[in-house]
């Protein structure tokens, strides 16, 4: 099982990671706002993560770390 870590304070909520996830387990948080004023990305079902790192590769700000 993979472990995802997000640097949410640096996320600009572009949703490129959400679109890249083959399992559909990422979303833009509607209930959180980071210090830049954006809704950050989050994983809502980490148990289904396959550790492919597509989300991390797509992130233009390198806020996602995937550990296998």
PDB file of N, CA and C in Angstrom:
ATOM      1  N   UNK A   1       0.846  -1.181   0.000  1.00  0.00           N
ATOM      2  CA  UNK A   1       0.000   0.000   0.000  1.00  0.00           C
ATOM      3  C   UNK A   1       0.891   1.244   0.000  1.00  0.00           C
ATOM      4  N   UNK A   2       0.527   2.229  -0.768  1.00  0.00           N
ATOM      5  CA  UNK A   2       1.289   3.466  -0.880  1.00  0.00           C
ATOM      6  C   UNK A   2       0.823   4.490   0.148  1.00  0.00           C
ATOM      7  N   UNK A   3       1.724   5.412   0.463  1.00  0.00           N
ATOM      8  CA  UNK A   3       1.386   6.505   1.383  1.00  0.00           C
ATOM      9  C   UNK A   3       1.578   7.814   0.638  1.00  0.00           C
ATOM     10  N   UNK A   4       0.557   8.648   0.637  1.00  0.00           N
ATOM     11  CA  UNK A   4       0.602   9.946  -0.028  1.00  0.00           C
ATOM     12  C   UNK A   4       0.776  11.048   1.005  1.00  0.00           C
ATOM     13  N   UNK A   5       1.645  12.005   0.689  1.00  0.00           N
ATOM     14  CA  UNK A   5       1.840  13.175   1.531  1.00  0.00           C
ATOM     15  C   UNK A   5       1.681  14.407   0.660  1.00  0.00           C
ATOM     16  N   UNK A   6       0.866  15.347   1.101  1.00  0.00           N
ATOM     17  CA  UNK A   6       0.618  16.586   0.360  1.00  0.00           C
ATOM     18  C   UNK A   6       1.153  17.778   1.147  1.00  0.00           C
ATOM     19  N   UNK A   7       1.875  18.659   0.490  1.00  0.00           N
ATOM     20  CA  UNK A   7       2.269  19.939   1.093  1.00  0.00           C
ATOM     21  C   UNK A   7       1.135  20.910   0.768  1.00  0.00           C
ATOM     22  N   UNK A   8       0.062  20.816   1.514  1.00  0.00           N
ATOM     23  CA  UNK A   8      -1.168  21.529   1.172  1.00  0.00           C
ATOM     24  C   UNK A   8      -1.026  23.041   1.165  1.00  0.00           C
ATOM     25  N   UNK A   9      -0.083  23.583   1.938  1.00  0.00           N
ATOM     26  CA  UNK A   9       0.087  25.040   1.950  1.00  0.00           C
ATOM     27  C   UNK A   9       0.627  25.575   0.623  1.00  0.00           C
ATOM     28  N   UNK A  10       1.244  24.714  -0.181  1.00  0.00           N
ATOM     29  CA  UNK A  10       1.787  25.141  -1.471  1.00  0.00           C
ATOM     30  C   UNK A  10       0.890  24.788  -2.650  1.00  0.00           C
ATOM     31  N   UNK A  11      -0.211  24.100  -2.404  1.00  0.00           N
ATOM     32  CA  UNK A  11      -1.113  23.674  -3.474  1.00  0.00           C
ATOM     33  C   UNK A  11      -1.944  24.849  -3.979  1.00  0.00           C
ATOM     34  N   UNK A  12      -2.040  24.963  -5.303  1.00  0.00           N
ATOM     35  CA  UNK A  12      -2.859  26.029  -5.884  1.00  0.00           C
ATOM     36  C   UNK A  12      -4.196  25.509  -6.415  1.00  0.00           C
ATOM     37  N   UNK A  13      -4.494  24.241  -6.152  1.00  0.00           N
ATOM     38  CA  UNK A  13      -5.787  23.679  -6.515  1.00  0.00           C
ATOM     39  C   UNK A  13      -6.040  23.573  -8.003  1.00  0.00           C
ATOM     40  N   UNK A  14      -5.008  23.299  -8.772  1.00  0.00           N
ATOM     41  CA  UNK A  14      -5.152  23.247 -10.237  1.00  0.00           C
ATOM     42  C   UNK A  14      -5.887  21.990 -10.707  1.00  0.00           C
ATOM     43  N   UNK A  15      -5.958  20.976  -9.882  1.00  0.00           N
ATOM     44  CA  UNK A  15      -6.623  19.685 -10.114  1.00  0.00           C
ATOM     45  C   UNK A  15      -5.983  18.819 -11.198  1.00  0.00           C
ATOM     46  N   UNK A  16      -4.753  19.096 -11.591  1.00  0.00           N
ATOM     47  CA  UNK A  16      -4.059  18.222 -12.542  1.00  0.00           C
ATOM     48  C   UNK A  16      -3.837  16.838 -11.942  1.00  0.00           C
ATOM     49  N   UNK A  17      -3.561  16.782 -10.649  1.00  0.00           N
ATOM     50  CA  UNK A  17      -3.370  15.489  -9.987  1.00  0.00           C
ATOM     51  C   UNK A  17      -4.674  14.698  -9.945  1.00  0.00           C
ATOM     52  N   UNK A  18      -5.769  15.390  -9.733  1.00  0.00           N
ATOM     53  CA  UNK A  18      -7.085  14.751  -9.690  1.00  0.00           C
ATOM     54  C   UNK A  18      -7.384  14.090 -11.033  1.00  0.00           C
ATOM     55  N   UNK A  19      -7.100  14.798 -12.113  1.00  0.00           N
ATOM     56  CA  UNK A  19      -7.339  14.263 -13.458  1.00  0.00           C
ATOM     57  C   UNK A  19      -6.395  13.113 -13.795  1.00  0.00           C
ATOM     58  N   UNK A  20      -5.189  13.121 -13.226  1.00  0.00           N
ATOM     59  CA  UNK A  20      -4.186  12.111 -13.555  1.00  0.00           C
ATOM     60  C   UNK A  20      -4.367  10.802 -12.793  1.00  0.00           C
ATOM     61  N   UNK A  21      -5.095  10.817 -11.696  1.00  0.00           N
ATOM     62  CA  UNK A  21      -5.228   9.624 -10.857  1.00  0.00           C
ATOM     63  C   UNK A  21      -6.088   8.557 -11.536  1.00  0.00           C
ATOM     64  N   UNK A  22      -5.512   7.382 -11.828  1.00  0.00           N
ATOM     65  CA  UNK A  22      -6.287   6.332 -12.497  1.00  0.00           C
ATOM     66  C   UNK A  22      -7.350   5.688 -11.598  1.00  0.00           C
ATOM     67  N   UNK A  23      -7.192   5.816 -10.288  1.00  0.00           N
ATOM     68  CA  UNK A  23      -8.157   5.231  -9.354  1.00  0.00           C
ATOM     69  C   UNK A  23      -9.242   6.211  -8.927  1.00  0.00           C
ATOM     70  N   UNK A  24      -9.086   7.493  -9.264  1.00  0.00           N
ATOM     71  CA  UNK A  24     -10.105   8.479  -8.927  1.00  0.00           C
ATOM     72  C   UNK A  24     -10.248   8.743  -7.440  1.00  0.00           C
ATOM     73  N   UNK A  25      -9.137   8.705  -6.705  1.00  0.00           N
ATOM     74  CA  UNK A  25      -9.210   8.855  -5.253  1.00  0.00           C
ATOM     75  C   UNK A  25      -8.727  10.220  -4.766  1.00  0.00           C
ATOM     76  N   UNK A  26      -8.461  11.133  -5.671  1.00  0.00           N
ATOM     77  CA  UNK A  26      -8.053  12.485  -5.297  1.00  0.00           C
ATOM     78  C   UNK A  26      -9.172  13.464  -5.608  1.00  0.00           C
ATOM     79  N   UNK A  27      -9.211  14.538  -4.845  1.00  0.00           N
ATOM     80  CA  UNK A  27     -10.207  15.583  -5.083  1.00  0.00           C
ATOM     81  C   UNK A  27      -9.656  16.900  -4.557  1.00  0.00           C
ATOM     82  N   UNK A  28     -10.314  17.966  -4.951  1.00  0.00           N
ATOM     83  CA  UNK A  28     -10.007  19.277  -4.403  1.00  0.00           C
ATOM     84  C   UNK A  28     -10.904  19.465  -3.185  1.00  0.00           C
ATOM     85  N   UNK A  29     -10.298  19.739  -2.049  1.00  0.00           N
ATOM     86  CA  UNK A  29     -11.042  19.883  -0.793  1.00  0.00           C
ATOM     87  C   UNK A  29     -11.901  21.134  -0.832  1.00  0.00           C
ATOM     88  N   UNK A  30     -13.171  20.972  -0.596  1.00  0.00           N
ATOM     89  CA  UNK A  30     -14.078  22.120  -0.592  1.00  0.00           C
ATOM     90  C   UNK A  30     -14.217  22.723   0.802  1.00  0.00           C
ATOM     91  N   UNK A  31     -13.783  21.977   1.813  1.00  0.00           N
ATOM     92  CA  UNK A  31     -13.932  22.442   3.189  1.00  0.00           C
ATOM     93  C   UNK A  31     -12.644  23.008   3.785  1.00  0.00           C
ATOM     94  N   UNK A  32     -11.583  23.095   2.981  1.00  0.00           N
ATOM     95  CA  UNK A  32     -10.299  23.608   3.468  1.00  0.00           C
ATOM     96  C   UNK A  32      -9.792  24.704   2.539  1.00  0.00           C
ATOM     97  N   UNK A  33      -9.101  25.655   3.118  1.00  0.00           N
ATOM     98  CA  UNK A  33      -8.432  26.702   2.340  1.00  0.00           C
ATOM     99  C   UNK A  33      -7.028  26.837   2.910  1.00  0.00           C
ATOM    100  N   UNK A  34      -6.012  26.796   2.032  1.00  0.00           N
ATOM    101  CA  UNK A  34      -4.639  26.904   2.514  1.00  0.00           C
ATOM    102  C   UNK A  34      -4.233  28.368   2.690  1.00  0.00           C
ATOM    103  N   UNK A  35      -2.995  28.604   3.106  1.00  0.00           N
ATOM    104  CA  UNK A  35      -2.567  29.972   3.402  1.00  0.00           C
ATOM    105  C   UNK A  35      -2.435  30.849   2.153  1.00  0.00           C
ATOM    106  N   UNK A  36      -2.458  30.228   0.971  1.00  0.00           N
ATOM    107  CA  UNK A  36      -2.452  31.000  -0.274  1.00  0.00           C
ATOM    108  C   UNK A  36      -3.868  31.339  -0.734  1.00  0.00           C
ATOM    109  N   UNK A  37      -4.866  30.818  -0.023  1.00  0.00           N
ATOM    110  CA  UNK A  37      -6.252  31.097  -0.355  1.00  0.00           C
ATOM    111  C   UNK A  37      -6.879  30.135  -1.348  1.00  0.00           C
ATOM    112  N   UNK A  38      -6.240  28.990  -1.557  1.00  0.00           N
ATOM    113  CA  UNK A  38      -6.740  27.992  -2.512  1.00  0.00           C
ATOM    114  C   UNK A  38      -7.288  26.773  -1.778  1.00  0.00           C
ATOM    115  N   UNK A  39      -8.189  26.076  -2.433  1.00  0.00           N
ATOM    116  CA  UNK A  39      -8.657  24.781  -1.938  1.00  0.00           C
ATOM    117  C   UNK A  39      -7.616  23.753  -2.375  1.00  0.00           C
ATOM    118  N   UNK A  40      -6.952  23.063  -1.450  1.00  0.00           N
ATOM    119  CA  UNK A  40      -5.893  22.115  -1.814  1.00  0.00           C
ATOM    120  C   UNK A  40      -6.422  20.744  -2.227  1.00  0.00           C
ATOM    121  N   UNK A  41      -5.563  20.009  -2.898  1.00  0.00           N
ATOM    122  CA  UNK A  41      -5.880  18.632  -3.266  1.00  0.00           C
ATOM    123  C   UNK A  41      -5.746  17.739  -2.046  1.00  0.00           C
ATOM    124  N   UNK A  42      -6.514  16.647  -2.053  1.00  0.00           N
ATOM    125  CA  UNK A  42      -6.442  15.670  -0.963  1.00  0.00           C
ATOM    126  C   UNK A  42      -6.819  14.293  -1.487  1.00  0.00           C
ATOM    127  N   UNK A  43      -6.387  13.276  -0.770  1.00  0.00           N
ATOM    128  CA  UNK A  43      -6.764  11.903  -1.079  1.00  0.00           C
ATOM    129  C   UNK A  43      -7.866  11.504  -0.114  1.00  0.00           C
ATOM    130  N   UNK A  44      -8.967  11.000  -0.644  1.00  0.00           N
ATOM    131  CA  UNK A  44     -10.081  10.628   0.230  1.00  0.00           C
ATOM    132  C   UNK A  44     -10.177   9.124   0.461  1.00  0.00           C
ATOM    133  N   UNK A  45      -9.327   8.316  -0.205  1.00  0.00           N
ATOM    134  CA  UNK A  45      -9.348   6.868   0.017  1.00  0.00           C
ATOM    135  C   UNK A  45      -7.956   6.293  -0.249  1.00  0.00           C
ATOM    136  N   UNK A  46      -7.034   6.545   0.671  1.00  0.00           N
ATOM    137  CA  UNK A  46      -5.639   6.148   0.479  1.00  0.00           C
ATOM    138  C   UNK A  46      -5.459   4.633   0.375  1.00  0.00           C
ATOM    139  N   UNK A  47      -6.381   3.859   0.903  1.00  0.00           N
ATOM    140  CA  UNK A  47      -6.293   2.398   0.821  1.00  0.00           C
ATOM    141  C   UNK A  47      -6.362   1.893  -0.619  1.00  0.00           C
ATOM    142  N   UNK A  48      -6.966   2.658  -1.507  1.00  0.00           N
ATOM    143  CA  UNK A  48      -7.094   2.257  -2.909  1.00  0.00           C
ATOM    144  C   UNK A  48      -5.936   2.750  -3.780  1.00  0.00           C
ATOM    145  N   UNK A  49      -5.007   3.506  -3.186  1.00  0.00           N
ATOM    146  CA  UNK A  49      -3.869   4.031  -3.942  1.00  0.00           C
ATOM    147  C   UNK A  49      -2.948   2.892  -4.366  1.00  0.00           C
ATOM    148  N   UNK A  50      -2.570   2.864  -5.642  1.00  0.00           N
ATOM    149  CA  UNK A  50      -1.700   1.815  -6.170  1.00  0.00           C
ATOM    150  C   UNK A  50      -0.240   2.256  -6.251  1.00  0.00           C
ATOM    151  N   UNK A  51       0.058   3.481  -5.846  1.00  0.00           N
ATOM    152  CA  UNK A  51       1.430   3.973  -5.818  1.00  0.00           C
ATOM    153  C   UNK A  51       2.025   4.254  -7.181  1.00  0.00           C
ATOM    154  N   UNK A  52       1.214   4.558  -8.156  1.00  0.00           N
ATOM    155  CA  UNK A  52       1.714   4.792  -9.514  1.00  0.00           C
ATOM    156  C   UNK A  52       2.445   6.130  -9.649  1.00  0.00           C
ATOM    157  N   UNK A  53       2.176   7.060  -8.757  1.00  0.00           N
ATOM    158  CA  UNK A  53       2.798   8.393  -8.722  1.00  0.00           C
ATOM    159  C   UNK A  53       2.419   9.275  -9.911  1.00  0.00           C
ATOM    160  N   UNK A  54       1.353   8.963 -10.591  1.00  0.00           N
ATOM    161  CA  UNK A  54       0.879   9.821 -11.686  1.00  0.00           C
ATOM    162  C   UNK A  54       0.534  11.206 -11.164  1.00  0.00           C
ATOM    163  N   UNK A  55      -0.041  11.253  -9.981  1.00  0.00           N
ATOM    164  CA  UNK A  55      -0.406  12.540  -9.383  1.00  0.00           C
ATOM    165  C   UNK A  55       0.832  13.393  -9.133  1.00  0.00           C
ATOM    166  N   UNK A  56       1.869  12.779  -8.570  1.00  0.00           N
ATOM    167  CA  UNK A  56       3.101  13.516  -8.265  1.00  0.00           C
ATOM    168  C   UNK A  56       3.798  13.992  -9.534  1.00  0.00           C
ATOM    169  N   UNK A  57       3.765  13.190 -10.576  1.00  0.00           N
ATOM    170  CA  UNK A  57       4.406  13.588 -11.843  1.00  0.00           C
ATOM    171  C   UNK A  57       3.675  14.738 -12.512  1.00  0.00           C
ATOM    172  N   UNK A  58       2.366  14.806 -12.330  1.00  0.00           N
ATOM    173  CA  UNK A  58       1.574  15.864 -12.964  1.00  0.00           C
ATOM    174  C   UNK A  58       1.597  17.175 -12.197  1.00  0.00           C
ATOM    175  N   UNK A  59       1.930  17.146 -10.926  1.00  0.00           N
ATOM    176  CA  UNK A  59       1.877  18.338 -10.091  1.00  0.00           C
ATOM    177  C   UNK A  59       2.962  19.345 -10.492  1.00  0.00           C
ATOM    178  N   UNK A  60       2.567  20.531 -10.957  1.00  0.00           N
ATOM    179  CA  UNK A  60       3.563  21.516 -11.382  1.00  0.00           C
ATOM    180  C   UNK A  60       4.333  22.131 -10.220  1.00  0.00           C
ATOM    181  N   UNK A  61       3.822  21.989  -8.996  1.00  0.00           N
ATOM    182  CA  UNK A  61       4.482  22.578  -7.829  1.00  0.00           C
ATOM    183  C   UNK A  61       5.144  21.540  -6.932  1.00  0.00           C
ATOM    184  N   UNK A  62       5.137  20.278  -7.342  1.00  0.00           N
ATOM    185  CA  UNK A  62       5.797  19.187  -6.613  1.00  0.00           C
ATOM    186  C   UNK A  62       5.361  19.121  -5.149  1.00  0.00           C
ATOM    187  N   UNK A  63       4.071  19.163  -4.911  1.00  0.00           N
ATOM    188  CA  UNK A  63       3.581  19.119  -3.534  1.00  0.00           C
ATOM    189  C   UNK A  63       3.228  17.712  -3.071  1.00  0.00           C
ATOM    190  N   UNK A  64       3.266  16.739  -3.969  1.00  0.00           N
ATOM    191  CA  UNK A  64       2.839  15.381  -3.621  1.00  0.00           C
ATOM    192  C   UNK A  64       4.038  14.445  -3.548  1.00  0.00           C
ATOM    193  N   UNK A  65       4.104  13.696  -2.460  1.00  0.00           N
ATOM    194  CA  UNK A  65       5.149  12.680  -2.269  1.00  0.00           C
ATOM    195  C   UNK A  65       4.465  11.333  -2.155  1.00  0.00           C
ATOM    196  N   UNK A  66       4.924  10.371  -2.946  1.00  0.00           N
ATOM    197  CA  UNK A  66       4.353   9.032  -2.923  1.00  0.00           C
ATOM    198  C   UNK A  66       5.417   8.067  -2.401  1.00  0.00           C
ATOM    199  N   UNK A  67       5.086   7.362  -1.341  1.00  0.00           N
ATOM    200  CA  UNK A  67       5.996   6.360  -0.774  1.00  0.00           C
ATOM    201  C   UNK A  67       5.361   4.994  -0.950  1.00  0.00           C
ATOM    202  N   UNK A  68       6.143   4.061  -1.454  1.00  0.00           N
ATOM    203  CA  UNK A  68       5.631   2.707  -1.677  1.00  0.00           C
ATOM    204  C   UNK A  68       6.099   1.777  -0.597  1.00  0.00           C
TER     205      UNK A  68
END
